[in-house]
C-alpha atoms as a PDB file:
ATOM      1  CA  MET A   1       9.389 -75.677 -62.437  1.00  0.00           C
ATOM      2  CA  ARG A   2      10.172 -76.848 -66.288  1.00  0.00           C
ATOM      3  CA  ASP A   3      10.817 -75.020 -69.103  1.00  0.00           C
ATOM      4  CA  TRP A   4       8.361 -73.930 -71.476  1.00  0.00           C
ATOM      5  CA  ASP A   5       8.496 -75.854 -74.717  1.00  0.00           C
ATOM      6  CA  PHE A   6       8.586 -72.771 -76.634  1.00  0.00           C
ATOM      7  CA  GLU A   7       9.053 -74.794 -79.730  1.00  0.00           C
ATOM      8  CA  GLY A   8       6.235 -77.278 -79.045  1.00  0.00           C
ATOM      9  CA  GLN A   9       4.121 -74.706 -78.828  1.00  0.00           C
ATOM     10  CA  ILE A  10       4.443 -72.997 -81.843  1.00  0.00           C
ATOM     11  CA  VAL A  11       4.310 -76.314 -83.972  1.00  0.00           C
ATOM     12  CA  ARG A  12       0.927 -77.570 -82.220  1.00  0.00           C
ATOM     13  CA  ALA A  13      -0.721 -74.169 -82.564  1.00  0.00           C
ATOM     14  CA  LEU A  14       0.544 -74.753 -86.299  1.00  0.00           C
ATOM     15  CA  ARG A  15      -0.359 -77.581 -86.816  1.00  0.00           C
ATOM     16  CA  ILE A  16      -4.257 -76.167 -85.156  1.00  0.00           C
ATOM     17  CA  ALA A  17      -4.193 -73.688 -87.461  1.00  0.00           C
ATOM     18  CA  GLY A  18      -3.070 -75.438 -90.514  1.00  0.00           C
ATOM     19  CA  PHE A  19      -6.506 -78.121 -89.774  1.00  0.00           C
ATOM     20  CA  LEU A  20      -8.367 -74.087 -89.599  1.00  0.00           C
ATOM     21  CA  LEU A  21      -6.786 -73.918 -92.986  1.00  0.00           C
ATOM     22  CA  VAL A  22      -7.385 -77.150 -94.846  1.00  0.00           C
ATOM     23  CA  PHE A  23     -11.468 -77.083 -93.293  1.00  0.00           C
ATOM     24  CA  PHE A  24     -11.348 -73.118 -94.811  1.00  0.00           C
ATOM     25  CA  CYS A  25     -10.538 -74.780 -98.320  1.00  0.00           C
ATOM     26  CA  LEU A  26     -12.255 -77.801 -98.536  1.00  0.00           C
ATOM     27  CA  THR A  27     -15.141 -74.954 -97.479  1.00  0.00           C
ATOM     28  CA  LEU A  28     -14.316 -73.464-100.303  1.00  0.00           C
ATOM     29  CA  VAL A  29     -14.963 -75.831-102.998  1.00  0.00           C
ATOM     30  CA  PHE A  30     -18.142 -75.792-102.284  1.00  0.00           C
ATOM     31  CA  ARG A  31     -18.961 -71.947-101.916  1.00  0.00           C
ATOM     32  CA  PRO A  32     -15.370 -70.462-104.109  1.00  0.00           C
ATOM     33  CA  HIS A  33     -17.160 -67.281-103.763  1.00  0.00           C
ATOM     34  CA  ASP A  34     -17.979 -66.687-100.209  1.00  0.00           C
ATOM     35  CA  PRO A  35     -15.650 -63.852 -99.311  1.00  0.00           C
ATOM     36  CA  ILE A  36     -16.100 -64.543 -95.820  1.00  0.00           C
ATOM     37  CA  ILE A  37     -14.705 -67.899 -95.816  1.00  0.00           C
ATOM     38  CA  TRP A  38     -11.590 -66.090 -98.209  1.00  0.00           C
ATOM     39  CA  GLY A  39     -10.854 -64.020 -96.031  1.00  0.00           C
ATOM     40  CA  PHE A  40     -10.031 -66.154 -92.962  1.00  0.00           C
ATOM     41  CA  ALA A  41      -7.925 -68.290 -95.357  1.00  0.00           C
ATOM     42  CA  VAL A  42      -5.917 -65.300 -96.724  1.00  0.00           C
ATOM     43  CA  GLY A  43      -5.694 -64.367 -92.655  1.00  0.00           C
ATOM     44  CA  THR A  44      -4.983 -67.517 -91.561  1.00  0.00           C
ATOM     45  CA  ALA A  45      -2.125 -68.418 -94.308  1.00  0.00           C
ATOM     46  CA  VAL A  46      -0.403 -64.796 -93.591  1.00  0.00           C
ATOM     47  CA  SER A  47      -0.968 -65.721 -90.037  1.00  0.00           C
ATOM     48  CA  MET A  48       1.021 -69.438 -89.986  1.00  0.00           C
ATOM     49  CA  TRP A  49       3.284 -67.655 -92.138  1.00  0.00           C
ATOM     50  CA  ASN A  50       4.452 -65.177 -89.816  1.00  0.00           C
ATOM     51  CA  ALA A  51       3.916 -67.743 -86.521  1.00  0.00           C
ATOM     52  CA  PHE A  52       6.788 -69.693 -88.658  1.00  0.00           C
ATOM     53  CA  PHE A  53       8.928 -67.074 -89.672  1.00  0.00           C
ATOM     54  CA  LEU A  54       8.765 -65.340 -85.979  1.00  0.00           C
ATOM     55  CA  ALA A  55       9.629 -69.055 -84.441  1.00  0.00           C
ATOM     56  CA  LYS A  56      12.205 -69.669 -87.151  1.00  0.00           C
ATOM     57  CA  ARG A  57      13.657 -65.569 -85.667  1.00  0.00           C
ATOM     58  CA  LEU A  58      13.358 -66.154 -82.152  1.00  0.00           C
ATOM     59  CA  CYS A  59      15.310 -69.272 -82.061  1.00  0.00           C
ATOM     60  CA  SER A  60      18.110 -68.391 -84.302  1.00  0.00           C
ATOM     61  CA  ILE A  61      18.525 -65.284 -81.795  1.00  0.00           C
ATOM     62  CA  THR A  62      18.609 -67.471 -78.986  1.00  0.00           C
ATOM     63  CA  GLY A  63      20.593 -70.129 -80.782  1.00  0.00           C
ATOM     64  CA  VAL A  64      23.370 -67.571 -82.019  1.00  0.00           C
ATOM     65  CA  LEU A  65      23.607 -64.721 -79.575  1.00  0.00           C
ATOM     66  CA  ARG A  66      24.002 -66.024 -76.372  1.00  0.00           C
ATOM     67  CA  GLY A  67      27.216 -63.441 -75.509  1.00  0.00           C
ATOM     68  CA  ALA A  68      26.474 -60.852 -78.211  1.00  0.00           C
ATOM     69  CA  ALA A  69      25.290 -57.918 -77.429  1.00  0.00           C
ATOM     70  CA  VAL A  70      21.557 -57.540 -76.689  1.00  0.00           C
ATOM     71  CA  GLU A  71      21.134 -54.128 -78.185  1.00  0.00           C
ATOM     72  CA  GLU A  72      22.217 -56.652 -81.521  1.00  0.00           C
ATOM     73  CA  ALA A  73      19.420 -59.260 -80.722  1.00  0.00           C
ATOM     74  CA  LYS A  74      17.163 -56.130 -80.203  1.00  0.00           C
ATOM     75  CA  ALA A  75      17.692 -54.553 -83.801  1.00  0.00           C
ATOM     76  CA  ARG A  76      17.469 -58.305 -85.385  1.00  0.00           C
ATOM     77  CA  VAL A  77      13.581 -58.895 -83.515  1.00  0.00           C
ATOM     78  CA  ALA A  78      12.862 -55.165 -84.011  1.00  0.00           C
ATOM     79  CA  GLY A  79      13.343 -55.604 -88.130  1.00  0.00           C
ATOM     80  CA  GLY A  80      12.206 -59.444 -87.998  1.00  0.00           C
ATOM     81  CA  PHE A  81       8.843 -57.657 -86.413  1.00  0.00           C
ATOM     82  CA  ALA A  82       8.578 -54.830 -88.915  1.00  0.00           C
ATOM     83  CA  VAL A  83       8.707 -56.800 -92.294  1.00  0.00           C
ATOM     84  CA  ARG A  84       6.226 -59.195 -90.944  1.00  0.00           C
ATOM     85  CA  PHE A  85       4.072 -55.842 -90.540  1.00  0.00           C
ATOM     86  CA  ILE A  86       4.270 -54.473 -93.341  1.00  0.00           C
ATOM     87  CA  THR A  87       3.337 -58.842 -94.794  1.00  0.00           C
ATOM     88  CA  VAL A  88       0.282 -57.248 -92.898  1.00  0.00           C
ATOM     89  CA  LEU A  89      -0.327 -54.281 -93.618  1.00  0.00           C
ATOM     90  CA  ALA A  90       0.407 -55.872 -97.689  1.00  0.00           C
ATOM     91  CA  VAL A  91      -1.815 -58.538 -97.289  1.00  0.00           C
ATOM     92  CA  LEU A  92      -5.130 -56.070 -96.308  1.00  0.00           C
ATOM     93  CA  PHE A  93      -4.315 -53.167 -98.591  1.00  0.00           C
ATOM     94  CA  LEU A  94      -4.235 -55.692-101.730  1.00  0.00           C
ATOM     95  CA  VAL A  95      -7.996 -57.436-100.082  1.00  0.00           C
ATOM     96  CA  ALA A  96      -9.535 -53.681 -99.183  1.00  0.00           C
ATOM     97  CA  ARG A  97      -8.463 -52.604-102.625  1.00  0.00           C
ATOM     98  CA  THR A  98      -9.119 -56.451-105.099  1.00  0.00           C
ATOM     99  CA  GLY A  99     -12.918 -56.808-102.276  1.00  0.00           C
ATOM    100  CA  TRP A 100     -12.281 -60.582-103.650  1.00  0.00           C
ATOM    101  CA  ALA A 101     -12.106 -61.383 -99.868  1.00  0.00           C
ATOM    102  CA  ASN A 102     -13.695 -59.965 -96.574  1.00  0.00           C
ATOM    103  CA  LEU A 103     -10.939 -57.080 -94.982  1.00  0.00           C
ATOM    104  CA  TYR A 104     -13.213 -57.876 -91.654  1.00  0.00           C
ATOM    105  CA  ALA A 105     -12.554 -61.835 -92.065  1.00  0.00           C
ATOM    106  CA  THR A 106      -9.334 -61.051 -92.861  1.00  0.00           C
ATOM    107  CA  ALA A 107      -8.289 -59.841 -90.540  1.00  0.00           C
ATOM    108  CA  ALA A 108      -9.946 -61.613 -87.587  1.00  0.00           C
ATOM    109  CA  GLY A 109      -7.648 -64.594 -89.595  1.00  0.00           C
ATOM    110  CA  LEU A 110      -5.107 -62.234 -88.668  1.00  0.00           C
ATOM    111  CA  PHE A 111      -4.897 -63.152 -85.303  1.00  0.00           C
ATOM    112  CA  ILE A 112      -5.957 -66.768 -84.982  1.00  0.00           C
ATOM    113  CA  VAL A 113      -2.690 -67.990 -84.806  1.00  0.00           C
ATOM    114  CA  PRO A 114      -1.517 -65.955 -82.142  1.00  0.00           C
ATOM    115  CA  CYS A 115      -5.140 -67.048 -80.244  1.00  0.00           C
ATOM    116  CA  ILE A 116      -4.295 -70.677 -80.321  1.00  0.00           C
ATOM    117  CA  PHE A 117      -0.313 -69.975 -79.179  1.00  0.00           C
ATOM    118  CA  THR A 118      -2.192 -67.475 -76.063  1.00  0.00           C
ATOM    119  CA  PHE A 119      -4.750 -69.993 -75.672  1.00  0.00           C
ATOM    120  CA  GLY A 120      -2.096 -72.824 -75.509  1.00  0.00           C
ATOM    121  CA  ALA A 121       0.387 -71.321 -73.571  1.00  0.00           C
ATOM    122  CA  ALA A 122      -2.633 -70.328 -70.395  1.00  0.00           C
ATOM    123  CA  ALA A 123      -4.037 -74.208 -70.603  1.00  0.00           C
ATOM    124  CA  ILE A 124      -0.254 -75.401 -70.348  1.00  0.00           C
ATOM    125  CA  SER A 125       0.468 -72.601 -67.443  1.00  0.00           C
ATOM    126  CA  ILE A 126      -3.005 -73.640 -65.828  1.00  0.00           C
ATOM    127  CA  ARG A 127      -2.428 -76.817 -65.924  1.00  0.00           C
ATOM    128  CA  GLU A 128       1.248 -76.914 -64.184  1.00  0.00           C
ATOM    129  CA  ALA A 129      -0.267 -74.877 -61.339  1.00  0.00           C
ATOM    130  CA  ARG A 130      -2.500 -77.355 -60.400  1.00  0.00           C
ATOM    131  CA  GLU A 131      -0.037 -79.967 -60.628  1.00  0.00           C
ATOM    132  CA  ALA A 132       1.809 -77.533 -58.683  1.00  0.00           C
ATOM    133  CA  GLY A 133      -0.069 -77.269 -56.141  1.00  0.00           C
ATOM    134  CA  PRO A 134      -1.380 -74.840 -53.617  1.00  0.00           C
ATOM    135  CA  LEU A 135       1.006 -71.947 -52.554  1.00  0.00           C
ATOM    136  CA  LYS A 136       2.152 -72.587 -48.513  1.00  0.00           C
ATOM    137  CA  TYR A 137       3.103 -68.981 -47.664  1.00  0.00           C
ATOM    138  CA  LYS A 138       5.890 -68.809 -44.142  1.00  0.00           C
END
């Protein structure tokens, strides 16, 4: 079994989400006052931002802290989670207060990149399991 290509998986998920974001932006050209499209565009953009910085933080932690304490690594991950979580809450609060985008569409857009990432990882796992063949018990 080979190592999991986390960086490649996150790049693939961000590329697919980028295509979706371009589609949402092109749709906004034709329907500029549609709050649902605005919500999906804002949610997808924030989701991409969060995934990008999560990947940078995880890669820096695994690259730099190979010999460092596990507690320091946990603290750095928790700090990054807090920043990303506050960003999500701030965007949802802004959308709820202003009303220029649909709140539900924005919340759904926030799940686009994690869903793409999860389904991609599941597809890779299934493909590798099929290539490995059936399990043989001794």
